[in-house]
Structures are given as C-alpha cells and as structure tokens.
Amino acid sequence: MNSPKIRTQPDTRLRQMSHANPFEGRGRNPAAARRAHIHHHPDRVDFLRRWSLLMIASFPNRETCAVHFGVTFQTACNWFDGFNAPYGQHVDYAIETLPRYAEIMRGQ
C-alpha cells in the first residue's frame, strides 16, 4: 500500500505572486487604475460630504453613531470620514430620528 506524500514546502506555483506596488491592485498598472476611477459621480461625492457633515453634527463621537444606527464601529468611521455611503434603511432612519437631516442633506 502506498502512503500519501506529505509536502513539507508549499508548491511555488500555488502561491500568489506579490506585486511590486501593493496599492496598484491585482494585475493593474497605474494607468489602468486611473481609468477605472475617473468617472466618480459628483452627486455621490456631494452626498458623501453631506452625510459626513450630518454624522459630525449629530453625534459627539463615532461610537454613539454606531450604536444609534446599529452598525459596526468601522462603518461609523467610514461615514464620519466620508468614505462610504449608507444603505437605504439607514437613510430612512436618519430622516426619522435626526433633527438636522433636512437642514444638512437638503439645504432647507
């Protein structure tokens, strides 16, 4: 009966190759990275800025924001910093519970 071979070192063909610049992404050169992100919608950027201002105006810190919306601390940090947009249910909840929503988000 043959016993299975045990590999003591991983096969180099199975390992992921490292990138010269880890910020370029998988197989993407700098020119392709610029092309991929050139079409940011100005409406999205404006919404992220206003949402960030709303979070900063409504909550004393990020932990309170995370508890209020029932999201992770990292999500609250992303909202404060204007990196990510909230899902629809979070926007609806903000409309219902944050008194300065109309002032900041709609300019009223």
N, C-alpha and C. Protein backbone atom coordinates (compact mmCIF):
# COMPACT_ATOMS: atom_id res chain seq x y z
N MET A 1 0.83 -1.18 0.00
CA MET A 1 0.00 0.00 0.00
C MET A 1 0.88 1.25 0.00
N ASN A 2 0.53 2.18 -0.85
CA ASN A 2 1.31 3.41 -0.94
C ASN A 2 0.82 4.42 0.09
N SER A 3 1.76 5.06 0.75
CA SER A 3 1.38 6.11 1.69
C SER A 3 1.39 7.45 0.94
N PRO A 4 0.48 8.36 1.30
CA PRO A 4 0.43 9.65 0.60
C PRO A 4 1.69 10.46 0.90
N LYS A 5 2.12 11.20 -0.10
CA LYS A 5 3.28 12.05 0.09
C LYS A 5 2.87 13.29 0.87
N ILE A 6 3.68 13.66 1.81
CA ILE A 6 3.44 14.86 2.60
C ILE A 6 4.41 15.92 2.10
N ARG A 7 3.86 17.03 1.69
CA ARG A 7 4.71 18.13 1.23
C ARG A 7 5.17 18.94 2.42
N THR A 8 6.45 19.12 2.50
CA THR A 8 6.97 19.92 3.60
C THR A 8 7.03 21.39 3.24
N GLN A 9 7.13 21.70 1.93
CA GLN A 9 7.15 23.09 1.49
C GLN A 9 6.06 23.28 0.46
N PRO A 10 5.39 24.42 0.47
CA PRO A 10 4.33 24.64 -0.50
C PRO A 10 4.90 24.75 -1.91
N ASP A 11 4.12 24.31 -2.86
CA ASP A 11 4.49 24.41 -4.26
C ASP A 11 4.50 25.89 -4.64
N THR A 12 5.59 26.36 -5.23
CA THR A 12 5.70 27.78 -5.55
C THR A 12 4.70 28.20 -6.61
N ARG A 13 4.20 27.27 -7.41
CA ARG A 13 3.21 27.62 -8.43
C ARG A 13 1.86 27.94 -7.81
N LEU A 14 1.59 27.48 -6.60
CA LEU A 14 0.29 27.68 -5.96
C LEU A 14 0.23 28.97 -5.14
N ARG A 15 1.36 29.59 -4.91
CA ARG A 15 1.36 30.81 -4.11
C ARG A 15 1.00 32.01 -4.96
N GLN A 16 0.36 32.98 -4.34
CA GLN A 16 0.05 34.23 -5.03
C GLN A 16 1.33 35.04 -5.15
N MET A 17 1.54 35.56 -6.31
CA MET A 17 2.73 36.37 -6.54
C MET A 17 2.51 37.74 -5.93
N SER A 18 3.54 38.27 -5.31
CA SER A 18 3.41 39.60 -4.72
C SER A 18 3.56 40.65 -5.81
N HIS A 19 3.01 41.79 -5.56
CA HIS A 19 3.06 42.90 -6.51
C HIS A 19 4.21 43.82 -6.13
N ALA A 20 4.76 44.47 -7.14
CA ALA A 20 5.81 45.44 -6.87
C ALA A 20 5.27 46.58 -6.02
N ASN A 21 4.04 47.00 -6.32
CA ASN A 21 3.38 48.05 -5.55
C ASN A 21 2.04 47.50 -5.09
N PRO A 22 1.85 47.22 -3.81
CA PRO A 22 0.60 46.60 -3.35
C PRO A 22 -0.62 47.49 -3.56
N PHE A 23 -0.44 48.79 -3.81
CA PHE A 23 -1.58 49.67 -3.98
C PHE A 23 -2.10 49.70 -5.41
N GLU A 24 -1.40 49.05 -6.32
CA GLU A 24 -1.86 49.03 -7.70
C GLU A 24 -3.00 48.04 -7.91
N GLY A 25 -3.12 47.07 -7.06
CA GLY A 25 -4.18 46.08 -7.23
C GLY A 25 -3.70 44.91 -8.07
N ARG A 26 -4.53 43.92 -8.16
CA ARG A 26 -4.15 42.70 -8.86
C ARG A 26 -4.07 42.95 -10.36
N GLY A 27 -2.87 42.88 -10.90
CA GLY A 27 -2.67 42.96 -12.33
C GLY A 27 -3.03 44.31 -12.94
N ARG A 28 -3.07 45.35 -12.16
CA ARG A 28 -3.50 46.64 -12.69
C ARG A 28 -2.33 47.62 -12.62
N ASN A 29 -1.98 48.16 -13.76
CA ASN A 29 -0.90 49.15 -13.75
C ASN A 29 -1.47 50.52 -13.38
N PRO A 30 -0.63 51.50 -13.10
CA PRO A 30 -1.14 52.81 -12.66
C PRO A 30 -2.09 53.47 -13.65
N ALA A 31 -1.83 53.32 -14.95
CA ALA A 31 -2.71 53.94 -15.94
C ALA A 31 -4.10 53.31 -15.90
N ALA A 32 -4.16 52.00 -15.74
CA ALA A 32 -5.46 51.33 -15.67
C ALA A 32 -6.20 51.69 -14.39
N ALA A 33 -5.49 51.86 -13.32
CA ALA A 33 -6.13 52.25 -12.05
C ALA A 33 -6.75 53.63 -12.18
N ARG A 34 -6.07 54.57 -12.87
CA ARG A 34 -6.64 55.90 -13.07
C ARG A 34 -7.88 55.83 -13.94
N ARG A 35 -7.85 55.02 -14.98
CA ARG A 35 -9.01 54.91 -15.86
C ARG A 35 -10.21 54.30 -15.13
N ALA A 36 -9.95 53.39 -14.22
CA ALA A 36 -11.04 52.72 -13.51
C ALA A 36 -11.77 53.67 -12.57
N HIS A 37 -11.11 54.70 -12.09
CA HIS A 37 -11.71 55.58 -11.09
C HIS A 37 -11.94 57.00 -11.58
N ILE A 38 -11.88 57.20 -12.85
CA ILE A 38 -12.00 58.55 -13.37
C ILE A 38 -13.45 59.05 -13.39
N HIS A 39 -14.43 58.16 -13.37
CA HIS A 39 -15.82 58.56 -13.54
C HIS A 39 -16.59 58.56 -12.22
N HIS A 40 -16.00 59.16 -11.19
CA HIS A 40 -16.75 59.29 -9.95
C HIS A 40 -17.91 60.26 -10.19
N HIS A 41 -19.06 59.89 -9.72
CA HIS A 41 -20.23 60.74 -9.91
C HIS A 41 -20.18 61.90 -8.93
N PRO A 42 -20.30 63.12 -9.42
CA PRO A 42 -20.26 64.26 -8.50
C PRO A 42 -21.39 64.21 -7.47
N ASP A 43 -22.53 63.63 -7.85
CA ASP A 43 -23.64 63.53 -6.89
C ASP A 43 -23.25 62.64 -5.71
N ARG A 44 -22.55 61.56 -5.98
CA ARG A 44 -22.12 60.65 -4.92
C ARG A 44 -21.13 61.35 -4.00
N VAL A 45 -20.19 62.05 -4.57
CA VAL A 45 -19.19 62.77 -3.77
C VAL A 45 -19.88 63.82 -2.90
N ASP A 46 -20.83 64.53 -3.47
CA ASP A 46 -21.57 65.54 -2.71
C ASP A 46 -22.39 64.90 -1.60
N PHE A 47 -23.04 63.76 -1.90
CA PHE A 47 -23.81 63.06 -0.88
C PHE A 47 -22.91 62.60 0.25
N LEU A 48 -21.75 62.02 -0.07
CA LEU A 48 -20.83 61.55 0.97
C LEU A 48 -20.37 62.70 1.86
N ARG A 49 -20.10 63.85 1.26
CA ARG A 49 -19.68 65.01 2.03
C ARG A 49 -20.79 65.47 2.97
N ARG A 50 -22.03 65.55 2.45
CA ARG A 50 -23.14 65.99 3.29
C ARG A 50 -23.46 64.97 4.38
N TRP A 51 -23.40 63.67 4.05
CA TRP A 51 -23.67 62.63 5.05
C TRP A 51 -22.62 62.70 6.16
N SER A 52 -21.37 62.92 5.78
CA SER A 52 -20.31 63.05 6.77
C SER A 52 -20.58 64.25 7.69
N LEU A 53 -20.99 65.38 7.11
CA LEU A 53 -21.31 66.55 7.92
C LEU A 53 -22.48 66.28 8.86
N LEU A 54 -23.48 65.54 8.37
CA LEU A 54 -24.62 65.20 9.21
C LEU A 54 -24.19 64.34 10.40
N MET A 55 -23.32 63.37 10.15
CA MET A 55 -22.86 62.50 11.24
C MET A 55 -22.07 63.31 12.27
N ILE A 56 -21.21 64.19 11.79
CA ILE A 56 -20.39 65.01 12.69
C ILE A 56 -21.27 65.96 13.51
N ALA A 57 -22.30 66.52 12.88
CA ALA A 57 -23.18 67.46 13.57
C ALA A 57 -24.14 66.76 14.54
N SER A 58 -24.46 65.50 14.27
CA SER A 58 -25.49 64.81 15.05
C SER A 58 -24.95 63.99 16.22
N PHE A 59 -23.70 63.59 16.16
CA PHE A 59 -23.18 62.68 17.19
C PHE A 59 -21.87 63.21 17.76
N PRO A 60 -21.70 63.05 19.08
CA PRO A 60 -20.46 63.54 19.70
C PRO A 60 -19.24 62.71 19.34
N ASN A 61 -19.46 61.42 19.00
CA ASN A 61 -18.35 60.54 18.62
C ASN A 61 -18.85 59.41 17.73
N ARG A 62 -17.94 58.64 17.23
CA ARG A 62 -18.27 57.57 16.28
C ARG A 62 -18.98 56.40 16.95
N GLU A 63 -18.65 56.15 18.20
CA GLU A 63 -19.29 55.05 18.92
C GLU A 63 -20.79 55.29 19.06
N THR A 64 -21.15 56.52 19.39
CA THR A 64 -22.57 56.86 19.54
C THR A 64 -23.30 56.70 18.22
N CYS A 65 -22.66 57.10 17.14
CA CYS A 65 -23.25 56.93 15.81
C CYS A 65 -23.47 55.46 15.50
N ALA A 66 -22.48 54.62 15.78
CA ALA A 66 -22.58 53.18 15.51
C ALA A 66 -23.73 52.56 16.29
N VAL A 67 -23.87 52.94 17.56
CA VAL A 67 -24.96 52.40 18.39
C VAL A 67 -26.31 52.89 17.88
N HIS A 68 -26.41 54.15 17.52
CA HIS A 68 -27.67 54.72 17.06
C HIS A 68 -28.20 53.99 15.82
N PHE A 69 -27.32 53.70 14.87
CA PHE A 69 -27.74 53.05 13.63
C PHE A 69 -27.63 51.53 13.66
N GLY A 70 -27.00 50.99 14.70
CA GLY A 70 -26.84 49.54 14.78
C GLY A 70 -25.85 49.01 13.75
N VAL A 71 -24.76 49.76 13.54
CA VAL A 71 -23.73 49.35 12.58
C VAL A 71 -22.42 49.17 13.33
N THR A 72 -21.43 48.66 12.64
CA THR A 72 -20.13 48.47 13.27
C THR A 72 -19.43 49.81 13.47
N PHE A 73 -18.46 49.79 14.35
CA PHE A 73 -17.67 51.00 14.60
C PHE A 73 -16.96 51.43 13.32
N GLN A 74 -16.47 50.47 12.54
CA GLN A 74 -15.77 50.80 11.30
C GLN A 74 -16.69 51.49 10.30
N THR A 75 -17.95 51.04 10.23
CA THR A 75 -18.92 51.69 9.34
C THR A 75 -19.14 53.13 9.77
N ALA A 76 -19.29 53.35 11.06
CA ALA A 76 -19.46 54.72 11.56
C ALA A 76 -18.23 55.56 11.23
N CYS A 77 -17.05 55.00 11.35
CA CYS A 77 -15.83 55.73 10.99
C CYS A 77 -15.84 56.09 9.51
N ASN A 78 -16.25 55.16 8.66
CA ASN A 78 -16.31 55.42 7.23
C ASN A 78 -17.32 56.52 6.91
N TRP A 79 -18.44 56.55 7.62
CA TRP A 79 -19.43 57.61 7.42
C TRP A 79 -18.87 58.96 7.87
N PHE A 80 -18.22 59.00 9.02
CA PHE A 80 -17.65 60.24 9.53
C PHE A 80 -16.60 60.78 8.57
N ASP A 81 -15.81 59.89 7.99
CA ASP A 81 -14.72 60.30 7.10
C ASP A 81 -15.18 60.49 5.66
N GLY A 82 -16.44 60.15 5.35
CA GLY A 82 -16.97 60.32 4.01
C GLY A 82 -16.46 59.31 3.01
N PHE A 83 -16.12 58.10 3.47
CA PHE A 83 -15.60 57.07 2.57
C PHE A 83 -16.70 56.22 1.94
N ASN A 84 -17.74 55.93 2.70
CA ASN A 84 -18.81 55.05 2.23
C ASN A 84 -20.17 55.68 2.45
N ALA A 85 -21.10 55.31 1.57
CA ALA A 85 -22.48 55.78 1.70
C ALA A 85 -23.30 54.76 2.49
N PRO A 86 -24.32 55.21 3.20
CA PRO A 86 -25.17 54.29 3.95
C PRO A 86 -26.16 53.58 3.04
N TYR A 87 -26.72 52.49 3.54
CA TYR A 87 -27.80 51.80 2.84
C TYR A 87 -29.09 52.59 3.04
N GLY A 88 -30.09 52.28 2.26
CA GLY A 88 -31.36 52.99 2.29
C GLY A 88 -32.04 53.00 3.64
N GLN A 89 -32.00 51.87 4.35
CA GLN A 89 -32.68 51.82 5.65
C GLN A 89 -32.01 52.76 6.65
N HIS A 90 -30.72 52.98 6.50
CA HIS A 90 -30.04 53.91 7.41
C HIS A 90 -30.41 55.36 7.09
N VAL A 91 -30.58 55.64 5.81
CA VAL A 91 -31.01 57.00 5.42
C VAL A 91 -32.43 57.25 5.92
N ASP A 92 -33.32 56.26 5.76
CA ASP A 92 -34.69 56.40 6.27
C ASP A 92 -34.70 56.63 7.77
N TYR A 93 -33.87 55.88 8.50
CA TYR A 93 -33.80 56.03 9.94
C TYR A 93 -33.26 57.41 10.32
N ALA A 94 -32.30 57.90 9.55
CA ALA A 94 -31.76 59.24 9.81
C ALA A 94 -32.82 60.30 9.59
N ILE A 95 -33.63 60.14 8.55
CA ILE A 95 -34.72 61.10 8.28
C ILE A 95 -35.67 61.16 9.47
N GLU A 96 -35.98 59.99 10.03
CA GLU A 96 -36.93 59.91 11.15
C GLU A 96 -36.35 60.41 12.47
N THR A 97 -35.04 60.22 12.68
CA THR A 97 -34.51 60.43 14.03
C THR A 97 -33.54 61.60 14.18
N LEU A 98 -33.00 62.11 13.10
CA LEU A 98 -32.02 63.20 13.23
C LEU A 98 -32.66 64.52 12.87
N PRO A 99 -32.77 65.44 13.83
CA PRO A 99 -33.49 66.69 13.58
C PRO A 99 -32.84 67.60 12.53
N ARG A 100 -31.54 67.48 12.33
CA ARG A 100 -30.86 68.37 11.37
C ARG A 100 -30.73 67.74 9.97
N TYR A 101 -31.42 66.63 9.73
CA TYR A 101 -31.31 65.96 8.43
C TYR A 101 -31.67 66.90 7.28
N ALA A 102 -32.85 67.52 7.34
CA ALA A 102 -33.31 68.37 6.24
C ALA A 102 -32.37 69.56 6.04
N GLU A 103 -31.91 70.13 7.14
CA GLU A 103 -31.02 71.28 7.06
C GLU A 103 -29.71 70.95 6.33
N ILE A 104 -29.11 69.82 6.69
CA ILE A 104 -27.81 69.48 6.15
C ILE A 104 -27.91 68.76 4.81
N MET A 105 -28.79 67.79 4.71
CA MET A 105 -28.84 66.97 3.50
C MET A 105 -29.58 67.65 2.36
N ARG A 106 -30.59 68.42 2.67
CA ARG A 106 -31.39 69.07 1.62
C ARG A 106 -31.16 70.56 1.53
N GLY A 107 -30.44 71.11 2.49
CA GLY A 107 -30.17 72.54 2.49
C GLY A 107 -31.38 73.38 2.83
N GLN A 108 -32.30 72.84 3.63
CA GLN A 108 -33.53 73.56 3.99
C GLN A 108 -33.40 74.22 5.35
